Amino acid sequence: MTKAELIEKIHAKSGLPTKAKTEAALDATIAAITESLSAGESITLTGFGSFKVTKRAARKGRNPRTGEEIKIPPCSVVKFTPGKNLKDAVN
């Protein structure tokens, strides 16, 4: 699903007056989630799931072309854990 398709579905279900307002609401939601995660906060949407930032340690890897061993630096990654309602809907 693309962002445009998601906006279409949200618009149909939300009752917002225009697609532009629906897109603005989606953009604001994504911006708020991004801002919170970059500040190191976790986000819990009851019934949907949780987003949290975890640290990935430095590790050794291999260059697939040459087989040469390389060092992969530590980084932060976002993990998503689905909630019970989402799990039940998918299964």
Protein backbone atom coordinates (compact mmCIF):
# COMPACT_ATOMS: atom_id res chain seq x y z
CA MET A 1 0.00 0.00 0.00
CA THR A 2 1.31 3.42 -0.91
CA LYS A 3 0.88 6.61 1.08
CA ALA A 4 -1.76 7.80 -1.39
CA GLU A 5 -3.75 4.58 -0.94
CA LEU A 6 -3.47 4.89 2.85
CA ILE A 7 -4.72 8.47 2.70
CA GLU A 8 -7.66 7.30 0.58
CA LYS A 9 -8.61 4.63 3.15
CA ILE A 10 -8.21 6.98 6.11
CA HIS A 11 -10.28 9.62 4.32
CA ALA A 12 -13.08 7.13 3.66
CA LYS A 13 -13.20 6.01 7.32
CA SER A 14 -12.45 9.25 9.16
CA GLY A 15 -15.04 11.64 7.80
CA LEU A 16 -12.46 14.43 7.41
CA PRO A 17 -13.74 17.04 4.94
CA THR A 18 -10.95 16.80 2.34
CA LYS A 19 -8.12 14.48 1.33
CA ALA A 20 -5.71 17.38 1.90
CA LYS A 21 -6.75 17.56 5.57
CA THR A 22 -6.44 13.78 5.80
CA GLU A 23 -2.93 13.94 4.35
CA ALA A 24 -2.02 16.73 6.78
CA ALA A 25 -3.28 14.62 9.70
CA LEU A 26 -1.25 11.61 8.52
CA ASP A 27 1.87 13.75 8.03
CA ALA A 28 1.45 15.23 11.52
CA THR A 29 1.08 11.75 13.01
CA ILE A 30 4.20 10.48 11.25
CA ALA A 31 6.14 13.59 12.30
CA ALA A 32 5.09 13.17 15.95
CA ILE A 33 6.10 9.49 15.94
CA THR A 34 9.44 10.29 14.29
CA GLU A 35 10.14 13.12 16.74
CA SER A 36 9.37 10.93 19.76
CA LEU A 37 11.46 8.02 18.53
CA SER A 38 14.44 10.24 17.72
CA ALA A 39 14.23 11.58 21.30
CA GLY A 40 14.55 7.97 22.52
CA GLU A 41 10.94 7.64 23.69
CA SER A 42 8.82 4.57 23.06
CA ILE A 43 5.32 4.78 21.61
CA THR A 44 2.46 2.47 22.53
CA LEU A 45 -0.74 2.46 20.50
CA THR A 46 -3.06 0.21 22.50
CA GLY A 47 -4.41 -2.63 20.38
CA PHE A 48 -2.07 -1.81 17.48
CA GLY A 49 1.45 -2.16 18.83
CA SER A 50 4.55 -0.52 20.22
CA PHE A 51 7.52 1.23 18.66
CA LYS A 52 10.78 1.49 20.57
CA VAL A 53 14.37 2.40 19.80
CA THR A 54 17.03 -0.17 20.61
CA LYS A 55 20.79 -0.07 20.25
CA ARG A 56 22.51 -2.50 17.93
CA ALA A 57 26.06 -3.27 19.05
CA ALA A 58 29.10 -3.01 16.79
CA ARG A 59 29.85 -6.29 15.04
CA LYS A 60 31.96 -7.87 12.36
CA GLY A 61 30.55 -8.60 8.95
CA ARG A 62 31.77 -9.69 5.54
CA ASN A 63 31.84 -7.87 2.25
CA PRO A 64 29.86 -10.26 0.01
CA ARG A 65 31.90 -9.33 -3.06
CA THR A 66 35.38 -9.81 -1.69
CA GLY A 67 34.81 -11.88 1.44
CA GLU A 68 36.85 -9.30 3.34
CA GLU A 69 35.93 -8.87 7.00
CA ILE A 70 34.58 -5.41 7.85
CA LYS A 71 33.57 -3.64 11.05
CA ILE A 72 29.93 -2.60 11.26
CA PRO A 73 29.52 0.36 13.66
CA PRO A 74 26.87 0.47 16.42
CA CYS A 75 23.55 2.07 15.52
CA SER A 76 20.03 2.70 16.78
CA VAL A 77 17.14 0.81 15.19
CA VAL A 78 13.37 1.02 15.57
CA LYS A 79 11.61 -2.17 16.66
CA PHE A 80 7.87 -2.72 16.27
CA THR A 81 5.97 -5.18 18.42
CA PRO A 82 2.42 -5.84 17.24
CA GLY A 83 -0.41 -5.67 19.79
CA LYS A 84 -2.93 -8.41 20.44
CA ASN A 85 -5.67 -6.90 18.26
CA LEU A 86 -3.30 -6.58 15.29
CA LYS A 87 -2.02 -10.14 15.76
CA ASP A 88 -5.57 -11.48 15.92
CA ALA A 89 -6.61 -9.51 12.81
CA VAL A 90 -3.66 -10.84 10.80
CA ASN A 91 -4.16 -14.44 11.88
